[in-house]
Amino acid sequence: ALAASASQAQLRQLPSGEFWAPDRLQRHLQRQAYFGSGGTPVALQVAMDREGGAQQAAVNALGGAVSYLTTALLDKAVLPVARFAALPPAGASAAQYTAAHASAAERRGGA
């Protein structure tokens, strides 16, 4: 049934104002308390704290995703899962990135 409906799915383009800036995204995440008392997931907080064009674009895209999930009333089901991870930097091997990510997750007490 899902495969049949997926072929008929229509995507709507988000208006540019729906790709939230880091400050708006942070306020929304805090106000909705998706992550409980644990605060913002580390990978997500690091992305929002960094400067630069690529980071800004990534946070804006996440803002668009959160905005869309909120509009679709799926935000409270999806975001509390809190499965965020940074992509490996250009030039890093998958093995290097996986080892560094696993080490950071152990220090935090989880994945």
N, C-alpha and C. Protein backbone atom coordinates (compact mmCIF):
# COMPACT_ATOMS: atom_id res chain seq x y z
N ALA A 1 0.83 -1.19 0.00
CA ALA A 1 0.00 0.00 0.00
C ALA A 1 0.87 1.25 0.00
N LEU A 2 1.96 1.22 0.78
CA LEU A 2 2.83 2.39 0.83
C LEU A 2 3.50 2.64 -0.52
N ALA A 3 3.94 1.57 -1.17
CA ALA A 3 4.60 1.73 -2.46
C ALA A 3 3.63 2.32 -3.49
N ALA A 4 2.39 1.90 -3.45
CA ALA A 4 1.40 2.43 -4.39
C ALA A 4 1.14 3.90 -4.14
N SER A 5 1.03 4.30 -2.88
CA SER A 5 0.76 5.71 -2.58
C SER A 5 2.00 6.57 -2.80
N ALA A 6 3.19 6.00 -2.63
CA ALA A 6 4.41 6.77 -2.82
C ALA A 6 4.57 7.21 -4.26
N SER A 7 4.13 6.39 -5.19
CA SER A 7 4.26 6.78 -6.60
C SER A 7 3.33 7.95 -6.94
N GLN A 8 2.31 8.16 -6.13
CA GLN A 8 1.37 9.25 -6.36
C GLN A 8 1.64 10.46 -5.46
N ALA A 9 2.66 10.35 -4.62
CA ALA A 9 2.96 11.43 -3.69
C ALA A 9 3.39 12.68 -4.44
N GLN A 10 2.99 13.79 -3.90
CA GLN A 10 3.38 15.06 -4.48
C GLN A 10 4.16 15.85 -3.44
N LEU A 11 5.29 16.36 -3.85
CA LEU A 11 6.10 17.17 -2.96
C LEU A 11 5.76 18.63 -3.17
N ARG A 12 5.67 19.36 -2.09
CA ARG A 12 5.45 20.78 -2.25
C ARG A 12 6.73 21.50 -1.89
N GLN A 13 7.02 22.52 -2.62
CA GLN A 13 8.23 23.28 -2.39
C GLN A 13 7.99 24.21 -1.20
N LEU A 14 8.94 24.22 -0.28
CA LEU A 14 8.84 25.10 0.87
C LEU A 14 9.20 26.53 0.46
N PRO A 15 8.46 27.52 0.94
CA PRO A 15 8.86 28.91 0.71
C PRO A 15 10.20 29.17 1.40
N SER A 16 10.98 30.09 0.87
CA SER A 16 12.32 30.34 1.42
C SER A 16 12.27 30.72 2.90
N GLY A 17 11.20 31.33 3.37
CA GLY A 17 11.08 31.70 4.77
C GLY A 17 10.94 30.52 5.71
N GLU A 18 10.69 29.35 5.16
CA GLU A 18 10.55 28.15 5.98
C GLU A 18 11.88 27.47 6.27
N PHE A 19 12.95 27.94 5.64
CA PHE A 19 14.28 27.42 5.94
C PHE A 19 14.86 28.29 7.04
N TRP A 20 14.57 27.91 8.28
CA TRP A 20 14.84 28.74 9.45
C TRP A 20 16.32 28.98 9.69
N ALA A 21 16.62 30.17 10.17
CA ALA A 21 17.97 30.53 10.60
C ALA A 21 18.27 29.82 11.92
N PRO A 22 19.56 29.68 12.26
CA PRO A 22 19.92 28.95 13.48
C PRO A 22 19.23 29.47 14.75
N ASP A 23 19.09 30.79 14.91
CA ASP A 23 18.47 31.30 16.13
C ASP A 23 16.99 30.93 16.21
N ARG A 24 16.29 30.99 15.08
CA ARG A 24 14.87 30.61 15.08
C ARG A 24 14.72 29.11 15.33
N LEU A 25 15.58 28.31 14.72
CA LEU A 25 15.53 26.87 14.92
C LEU A 25 15.79 26.54 16.39
N GLN A 26 16.80 27.16 16.98
CA GLN A 26 17.14 26.91 18.39
C GLN A 26 15.97 27.28 19.30
N ARG A 27 15.35 28.43 19.08
CA ARG A 27 14.19 28.84 19.90
C ARG A 27 13.05 27.83 19.78
N HIS A 28 12.79 27.38 18.55
CA HIS A 28 11.70 26.42 18.34
C HIS A 28 12.00 25.10 19.04
N LEU A 29 13.23 24.62 18.92
CA LEU A 29 13.58 23.34 19.55
C LEU A 29 13.47 23.44 21.08
N GLN A 30 13.89 24.56 21.64
CA GLN A 30 13.80 24.74 23.09
C GLN A 30 12.35 24.88 23.54
N ARG A 31 11.56 25.63 22.81
CA ARG A 31 10.15 25.85 23.17
C ARG A 31 9.36 24.55 23.13
N GLN A 32 9.63 23.72 22.13
CA GLN A 32 8.89 22.47 21.99
C GLN A 32 9.45 21.34 22.86
N ALA A 33 10.66 21.49 23.37
CA ALA A 33 11.31 20.51 24.26
C ALA A 33 11.25 19.10 23.68
N TYR A 34 11.59 18.95 22.41
CA TYR A 34 11.58 17.64 21.75
C TYR A 34 12.52 16.65 22.42
N PHE A 35 13.61 17.14 22.99
CA PHE A 35 14.67 16.27 23.49
C PHE A 35 14.64 16.11 25.00
N GLY A 36 13.58 16.55 25.64
CA GLY A 36 13.43 16.41 27.08
C GLY A 36 14.49 17.20 27.83
N SER A 37 14.84 16.69 28.98
CA SER A 37 15.81 17.38 29.83
C SER A 37 17.24 17.16 29.36
N GLY A 38 17.44 16.31 28.35
CA GLY A 38 18.78 16.03 27.85
C GLY A 38 19.36 17.16 27.03
N GLY A 39 18.56 18.16 26.70
CA GLY A 39 19.05 19.28 25.90
C GLY A 39 19.17 18.90 24.44
N THR A 40 19.78 19.76 23.68
CA THR A 40 19.95 19.54 22.24
C THR A 40 21.01 18.49 22.00
N PRO A 41 20.78 17.54 21.09
CA PRO A 41 21.81 16.53 20.78
C PRO A 41 23.12 17.21 20.37
N VAL A 42 24.24 16.59 20.76
CA VAL A 42 25.56 17.19 20.56
C VAL A 42 25.82 17.54 19.09
N ALA A 43 25.60 16.61 18.17
CA ALA A 43 25.88 16.88 16.75
C ALA A 43 25.07 18.06 16.24
N LEU A 44 23.85 18.18 16.71
CA LEU A 44 22.98 19.28 16.30
C LEU A 44 23.47 20.60 16.88
N GLN A 45 23.86 20.60 18.14
CA GLN A 45 24.35 21.83 18.78
C GLN A 45 25.64 22.30 18.14
N VAL A 46 26.54 21.36 17.83
CA VAL A 46 27.80 21.72 17.18
C VAL A 46 27.53 22.39 15.84
N ALA A 47 26.60 21.83 15.06
CA ALA A 47 26.27 22.40 13.75
C ALA A 47 25.70 23.80 13.89
N MET A 48 24.85 24.02 14.89
CA MET A 48 24.24 25.33 15.06
C MET A 48 25.21 26.36 15.59
N ASP A 49 26.27 25.92 16.29
CA ASP A 49 27.24 26.84 16.86
C ASP A 49 28.34 27.25 15.89
N ARG A 50 28.55 26.48 14.83
CA ARG A 50 29.64 26.77 13.90
C ARG A 50 29.27 27.88 12.94
N GLU A 51 30.30 28.56 12.47
CA GLU A 51 30.14 29.63 11.48
C GLU A 51 30.53 29.07 10.12
N GLY A 52 30.05 29.70 9.08
CA GLY A 52 30.48 29.33 7.73
C GLY A 52 29.30 29.02 6.84
N GLY A 53 29.53 29.16 5.55
CA GLY A 53 28.48 28.97 4.56
C GLY A 53 27.89 27.58 4.55
N ALA A 54 28.75 26.55 4.60
CA ALA A 54 28.25 25.18 4.56
C ALA A 54 27.44 24.86 5.81
N GLN A 55 27.92 25.30 6.97
CA GLN A 55 27.19 25.05 8.21
C GLN A 55 25.86 25.79 8.20
N GLN A 56 25.87 27.02 7.73
CA GLN A 56 24.63 27.81 7.66
C GLN A 56 23.62 27.11 6.75
N ALA A 57 24.09 26.62 5.62
CA ALA A 57 23.19 25.93 4.69
C ALA A 57 22.63 24.66 5.33
N ALA A 58 23.46 23.93 6.06
CA ALA A 58 23.00 22.69 6.70
C ALA A 58 21.95 23.00 7.77
N VAL A 59 22.17 24.03 8.56
CA VAL A 59 21.21 24.40 9.61
C VAL A 59 19.93 24.93 8.99
N ASN A 60 20.04 25.70 7.91
CA ASN A 60 18.84 26.18 7.22
C ASN A 60 18.03 25.01 6.66
N ALA A 61 18.72 24.01 6.12
CA ALA A 61 18.03 22.82 5.60
C ALA A 61 17.34 22.07 6.73
N LEU A 62 18.01 21.95 7.88
CA LEU A 62 17.38 21.30 9.02
C LEU A 62 16.17 22.11 9.48
N GLY A 63 16.30 23.44 9.46
CA GLY A 63 15.16 24.29 9.79
C GLY A 63 13.99 24.03 8.85
N GLY A 64 14.29 23.83 7.57
CA GLY A 64 13.24 23.51 6.61
C GLY A 64 12.58 22.18 6.93
N ALA A 65 13.40 21.20 7.31
CA ALA A 65 12.85 19.88 7.66
C ALA A 65 11.98 19.97 8.91
N VAL A 66 12.45 20.69 9.93
CA VAL A 66 11.67 20.84 11.16
C VAL A 66 10.38 21.60 10.87
N SER A 67 10.46 22.64 10.06
CA SER A 67 9.28 23.40 9.69
C SER A 67 8.26 22.51 8.99
N TYR A 68 8.73 21.70 8.05
CA TYR A 68 7.84 20.80 7.31
C TYR A 68 7.23 19.75 8.24
N LEU A 69 8.06 19.16 9.11
CA LEU A 69 7.54 18.16 10.05
C LEU A 69 6.49 18.77 10.98
N THR A 70 6.72 20.02 11.39
CA THR A 70 5.77 20.71 12.26
C THR A 70 4.44 20.93 11.53
N THR A 71 4.52 21.39 10.30
CA THR A 71 3.32 21.61 9.49
C THR A 71 2.56 20.30 9.27
N ALA A 72 3.30 19.23 9.06
CA ALA A 72 2.69 17.92 8.81
C ALA A 72 2.27 17.21 10.11
N LEU A 73 2.49 17.88 11.26
CA LEU A 73 2.17 17.31 12.58
C LEU A 73 2.93 16.03 12.86
N LEU A 74 4.15 15.93 12.34
CA LEU A 74 4.99 14.77 12.57
C LEU A 74 6.18 15.08 13.48
N ASP A 75 6.37 16.36 13.81
CA ASP A 75 7.54 16.77 14.57
C ASP A 75 7.65 16.07 15.92
N LYS A 76 6.56 15.93 16.63
CA LYS A 76 6.60 15.34 17.97
C LYS A 76 6.83 13.84 17.94
N ALA A 77 6.61 13.21 16.78
CA ALA A 77 6.88 11.78 16.64
C ALA A 77 8.31 11.52 16.14
N VAL A 78 8.83 12.42 15.31
CA VAL A 78 10.12 12.18 14.66
C VAL A 78 11.29 12.79 15.43
N LEU A 79 11.21 14.04 15.81
CA LEU A 79 12.36 14.74 16.40
C LEU A 79 12.82 14.18 17.75
N PRO A 80 11.94 13.72 18.64
CA PRO A 80 12.44 13.18 19.91
C PRO A 80 13.33 11.95 19.77
N VAL A 81 13.33 11.31 18.61
CA VAL A 81 14.23 10.18 18.39
C VAL A 81 15.68 10.65 18.47
N ALA A 82 15.92 11.91 18.08
CA ALA A 82 17.21 12.59 18.27
C ALA A 82 18.38 11.87 17.63
N ARG A 83 18.21 11.39 16.44
CA ARG A 83 19.30 10.70 15.73
C ARG A 83 19.95 11.68 14.74
N PHE A 84 20.83 12.52 15.24
CA PHE A 84 21.53 13.50 14.44
C PHE A 84 23.01 13.14 14.42
N ALA A 85 23.64 13.29 13.28
CA ALA A 85 25.08 13.06 13.16
C ALA A 85 25.63 14.00 12.10
N ALA A 86 26.82 14.47 12.34
CA ALA A 86 27.49 15.32 11.36
C ALA A 86 28.04 14.45 10.24
N LEU A 87 28.03 14.99 9.03
CA LEU A 87 28.64 14.28 7.92
C LEU A 87 30.15 14.38 8.04
N PRO A 88 30.87 13.38 7.55
CA PRO A 88 32.33 13.48 7.62
C PRO A 88 32.84 14.64 6.79
N PRO A 89 33.88 15.30 7.25
CA PRO A 89 34.45 16.41 6.47
C PRO A 89 35.05 15.88 5.17
N ALA A 90 35.15 16.74 4.19
CA ALA A 90 35.74 16.36 2.91
C ALA A 90 37.15 15.84 3.13
N GLY A 91 37.48 14.73 2.51
CA GLY A 91 38.82 14.17 2.62
C GLY A 91 38.99 13.17 3.74
N ALA A 92 38.05 13.08 4.66
CA ALA A 92 38.16 12.12 5.76
C ALA A 92 37.67 10.76 5.28
N SER A 93 38.37 9.72 5.67
CA SER A 93 37.93 8.38 5.29
C SER A 93 36.76 7.98 6.19
N ALA A 94 35.97 7.07 5.71
CA ALA A 94 34.82 6.59 6.50
C ALA A 94 35.30 5.96 7.80
N ALA A 95 36.41 5.24 7.76
CA ALA A 95 36.93 4.58 8.96
C ALA A 95 37.35 5.62 10.01
N GLN A 96 38.04 6.68 9.57
CA GLN A 96 38.47 7.74 10.49
C GLN A 96 37.25 8.40 11.13
N TYR A 97 36.28 8.72 10.32
CA TYR A 97 35.09 9.40 10.81
C TYR A 97 34.31 8.52 11.77
N THR A 98 34.13 7.25 11.42
CA THR A 98 33.38 6.33 12.26
C THR A 98 34.06 6.16 13.61
N ALA A 99 35.37 6.03 13.62
CA ALA A 99 36.11 5.87 14.88
C ALA A 99 35.98 7.13 15.74
N ALA A 100 36.10 8.30 15.14
CA ALA A 100 35.98 9.56 15.90
C ALA A 100 34.56 9.73 16.43
N HIS A 101 33.57 9.39 15.62
CA HIS A 101 32.18 9.53 16.05
C HIS A 101 31.87 8.56 17.19
N ALA A 102 32.36 7.33 17.11
CA ALA A 102 32.12 6.34 18.16
C ALA A 102 32.76 6.77 19.46
N SER A 103 33.97 7.34 19.38
CA SER A 103 34.66 7.81 20.57
C SER A 103 33.89 8.96 21.22
N ALA A 104 33.40 9.88 20.43
CA ALA A 104 32.62 11.01 20.97
C ALA A 104 31.32 10.51 21.58
N ALA A 105 30.68 9.52 20.98
CA ALA A 105 29.43 8.97 21.50
C ALA A 105 29.66 8.29 22.84
N GLU A 106 30.79 7.59 22.97
CA GLU A 106 31.11 6.93 24.25
C GLU A 106 31.30 7.96 25.36
N ARG A 107 31.97 9.07 25.04
CA ARG A 107 32.17 10.12 26.06
C ARG A 107 30.85 10.73 26.50
N ARG A 108 29.88 10.80 25.57
CA ARG A 108 28.55 11.35 25.89
C ARG A 108 27.66 10.32 26.58
N GLY A 109 28.04 9.06 26.48
CA GLY A 109 27.21 8.02 27.08
C GLY A 109 26.13 7.49 26.16
N GLY A 110 26.32 7.55 24.87
CA GLY A 110 25.33 7.03 23.92
C GLY A 110 25.69 7.33 22.50
N ALA A 111 24.87 6.86 21.56
CA ALA A 111 25.16 7.07 20.14
C ALA A 111 24.52 8.33 19.63
